[in-house]
Amino acid sequence: MARQEWKDPVTEAYKRDLDLTLLRRNLRRTPEERILAMIELQKLAEETRRAGREARRHR
């Protein structure tokens, strides 16, 4: 008799929307490359927040 594997419906719903190509591409990077990419993403996030504050200030 085959054992049925229980699957969490919430996890399965999230997995449906994952882009595995992005995960695989990131895993091909070295740890240093991942850190540098993360730093660049953080810079982008900070600049976006700054631009948003500036735009709200000029309303």
N, C-alpha and C. Protein backbone atom coordinates (compact mmCIF):
# COMPACT_ATOMS: atom_id res chain seq x y z
N MET A 1 0.85 -1.18 0.00
CA MET A 1 0.00 0.00 0.00
C MET A 1 0.91 1.25 0.00
N ALA A 2 0.68 2.14 -0.92
CA ALA A 2 1.49 3.36 -1.04
C ALA A 2 1.07 4.37 0.02
N ARG A 3 2.07 4.96 0.64
CA ARG A 3 1.82 5.98 1.66
C ARG A 3 1.51 7.29 0.96
N GLN A 4 0.40 7.92 1.34
CA GLN A 4 0.04 9.20 0.75
C GLN A 4 0.82 10.31 1.45
N GLU A 5 1.38 11.20 0.65
CA GLU A 5 2.13 12.32 1.19
C GLU A 5 1.19 13.50 1.40
N TRP A 6 1.15 14.01 2.63
CA TRP A 6 0.31 15.16 2.93
C TRP A 6 0.98 16.42 2.41
N LYS A 7 0.20 17.28 1.77
CA LYS A 7 0.73 18.54 1.24
C LYS A 7 -0.08 19.69 1.82
N ASP A 8 0.65 20.66 2.35
CA ASP A 8 0.01 21.84 2.92
C ASP A 8 -0.57 22.68 1.78
N PRO A 9 -1.87 22.96 1.79
CA PRO A 9 -2.49 23.71 0.69
C PRO A 9 -1.93 25.13 0.56
N VAL A 10 -1.55 25.75 1.65
CA VAL A 10 -0.99 27.10 1.58
C VAL A 10 0.36 27.07 0.87
N THR A 11 1.21 26.12 1.26
CA THR A 11 2.52 25.98 0.62
C THR A 11 2.35 25.67 -0.87
N GLU A 12 1.45 24.80 -1.19
CA GLU A 12 1.21 24.45 -2.58
C GLU A 12 0.73 25.65 -3.38
N ALA A 13 -0.08 26.51 -2.79
CA ALA A 13 -0.55 27.72 -3.48
C ALA A 13 0.61 28.66 -3.77
N TYR A 14 1.51 28.81 -2.82
CA TYR A 14 2.68 29.67 -3.05
C TYR A 14 3.61 29.06 -4.09
N LYS A 15 3.81 27.78 -4.06
CA LYS A 15 4.71 27.12 -5.01
C LYS A 15 4.24 27.30 -6.44
N ARG A 16 2.95 27.43 -6.63
CA ARG A 16 2.39 27.59 -7.97
C ARG A 16 2.90 28.88 -8.62
N ASP A 17 3.21 29.89 -7.79
CA ASP A 17 3.62 31.19 -8.30
C ASP A 17 5.13 31.40 -8.31
N LEU A 18 5.92 30.39 -7.97
CA LEU A 18 7.37 30.52 -7.95
C LEU A 18 7.95 30.46 -9.36
N ASP A 19 8.92 31.32 -9.61
CA ASP A 19 9.64 31.28 -10.87
C ASP A 19 10.93 30.52 -10.62
N LEU A 20 10.95 29.25 -10.95
CA LEU A 20 12.11 28.41 -10.68
C LEU A 20 13.33 28.82 -11.48
N THR A 21 13.12 29.48 -12.62
CA THR A 21 14.28 29.92 -13.41
C THR A 21 15.08 30.95 -12.63
N LEU A 22 14.41 31.83 -11.90
CA LEU A 22 15.13 32.82 -11.09
C LEU A 22 15.88 32.16 -9.95
N LEU A 23 15.26 31.18 -9.32
CA LEU A 23 15.93 30.46 -8.24
C LEU A 23 17.17 29.73 -8.75
N ARG A 24 17.02 29.06 -9.88
CA ARG A 24 18.16 28.33 -10.44
C ARG A 24 19.28 29.27 -10.84
N ARG A 25 18.92 30.42 -11.43
CA ARG A 25 19.94 31.39 -11.84
C ARG A 25 20.69 31.90 -10.62
N ASN A 26 19.97 32.17 -9.55
CA ASN A 26 20.62 32.67 -8.34
C ASN A 26 21.51 31.60 -7.71
N LEU A 27 21.10 30.36 -7.76
CA LEU A 27 21.90 29.28 -7.19
C LEU A 27 23.18 29.00 -7.99
N ARG A 28 23.21 29.43 -9.25
CA ARG A 28 24.42 29.28 -10.06
C ARG A 28 25.47 30.34 -9.67
N ARG A 29 25.04 31.39 -8.99
CA ARG A 29 25.97 32.43 -8.57
C ARG A 29 26.82 31.95 -7.40
N THR A 30 27.98 32.57 -7.27
CA THR A 30 28.81 32.29 -6.10
C THR A 30 28.20 33.03 -4.91
N PRO A 31 28.56 32.64 -3.70
CA PRO A 31 28.06 33.39 -2.53
C PRO A 31 28.40 34.89 -2.62
N GLU A 32 29.59 35.20 -3.10
CA GLU A 32 29.96 36.62 -3.22
C GLU A 32 29.06 37.33 -4.24
N GLU A 33 28.77 36.69 -5.34
CA GLU A 33 27.89 37.29 -6.35
C GLU A 33 26.48 37.50 -5.79
N ARG A 34 26.02 36.57 -4.98
CA ARG A 34 24.69 36.72 -4.36
C ARG A 34 24.66 37.91 -3.42
N ILE A 35 25.73 38.06 -2.64
CA ILE A 35 25.79 39.18 -1.70
C ILE A 35 25.84 40.50 -2.45
N LEU A 36 26.65 40.56 -3.50
CA LEU A 36 26.73 41.80 -4.29
C LEU A 36 25.38 42.14 -4.93
N ALA A 37 24.68 41.13 -5.41
CA ALA A 37 23.35 41.35 -6.00
C ALA A 37 22.38 41.85 -4.93
N MET A 38 22.47 41.29 -3.73
CA MET A 38 21.61 41.72 -2.64
C MET A 38 21.90 43.17 -2.26
N ILE A 39 23.17 43.55 -2.25
CA ILE A 39 23.55 44.93 -1.93
C ILE A 39 22.98 45.88 -2.99
N GLU A 40 23.08 45.50 -4.25
CA GLU A 40 22.53 46.34 -5.32
C GLU A 40 21.01 46.46 -5.20
N LEU A 41 20.34 45.38 -4.85
CA LEU A 41 18.90 45.42 -4.66
C LEU A 41 18.54 46.33 -3.49
N GLN A 42 19.33 46.29 -2.42
CA GLN A 42 19.08 47.16 -1.27
C GLN A 42 19.27 48.62 -1.65
N LYS A 43 20.29 48.92 -2.47
CA LYS A 43 20.49 50.29 -2.95
C LYS A 43 19.28 50.76 -3.76
N LEU A 44 18.77 49.88 -4.62
CA LEU A 44 17.59 50.22 -5.42
C LEU A 44 16.39 50.50 -4.53
N ALA A 45 16.20 49.68 -3.50
CA ALA A 45 15.08 49.87 -2.58
C ALA A 45 15.21 51.21 -1.84
N GLU A 46 16.41 51.53 -1.39
CA GLU A 46 16.63 52.80 -0.69
C GLU A 46 16.37 53.98 -1.61
N GLU A 47 16.84 53.91 -2.85
CA GLU A 47 16.62 54.99 -3.81
C GLU A 47 15.14 55.14 -4.13
N THR A 48 14.43 54.03 -4.24
CA THR A 48 12.99 54.07 -4.50
C THR A 48 12.25 54.73 -3.36
N ARG A 49 12.62 54.39 -2.12
CA ARG A 49 11.99 55.03 -0.96
C ARG A 49 12.29 56.53 -0.93
N ARG A 50 13.55 56.89 -1.23
CA ARG A 50 13.92 58.30 -1.24
C ARG A 50 13.12 59.06 -2.30
N ALA A 51 13.00 58.47 -3.49
CA ALA A 51 12.25 59.11 -4.56
C ALA A 51 10.77 59.26 -4.18
N GLY A 52 10.22 58.27 -3.51
CA GLY A 52 8.83 58.35 -3.06
C GLY A 52 8.63 59.47 -2.05
N ARG A 53 9.56 59.58 -1.10
CA ARG A 53 9.46 60.67 -0.11
C ARG A 53 9.56 62.03 -0.80
N GLU A 54 10.48 62.13 -1.75
CA GLU A 54 10.67 63.38 -2.49
C GLU A 54 9.41 63.74 -3.30
N ALA A 55 8.81 62.76 -3.93
CA ALA A 55 7.60 62.99 -4.71
C ALA A 55 6.44 63.44 -3.82
N ARG A 56 6.33 62.82 -2.64
CA ARG A 56 5.25 63.21 -1.72
C ARG A 56 5.48 64.62 -1.18
N ARG A 57 6.73 64.97 -0.99
CA ARG A 57 7.05 66.30 -0.47
C ARG A 57 6.69 67.40 -1.47
N HIS A 58 6.72 67.09 -2.76
CA HIS A 58 6.46 68.09 -3.79
C HIS A 58 5.00 68.15 -4.23
N ARG A 59 4.15 67.44 -3.55
CA ARG A 59 2.72 67.49 -3.93
C ARG A 59 2.12 68.81 -3.57
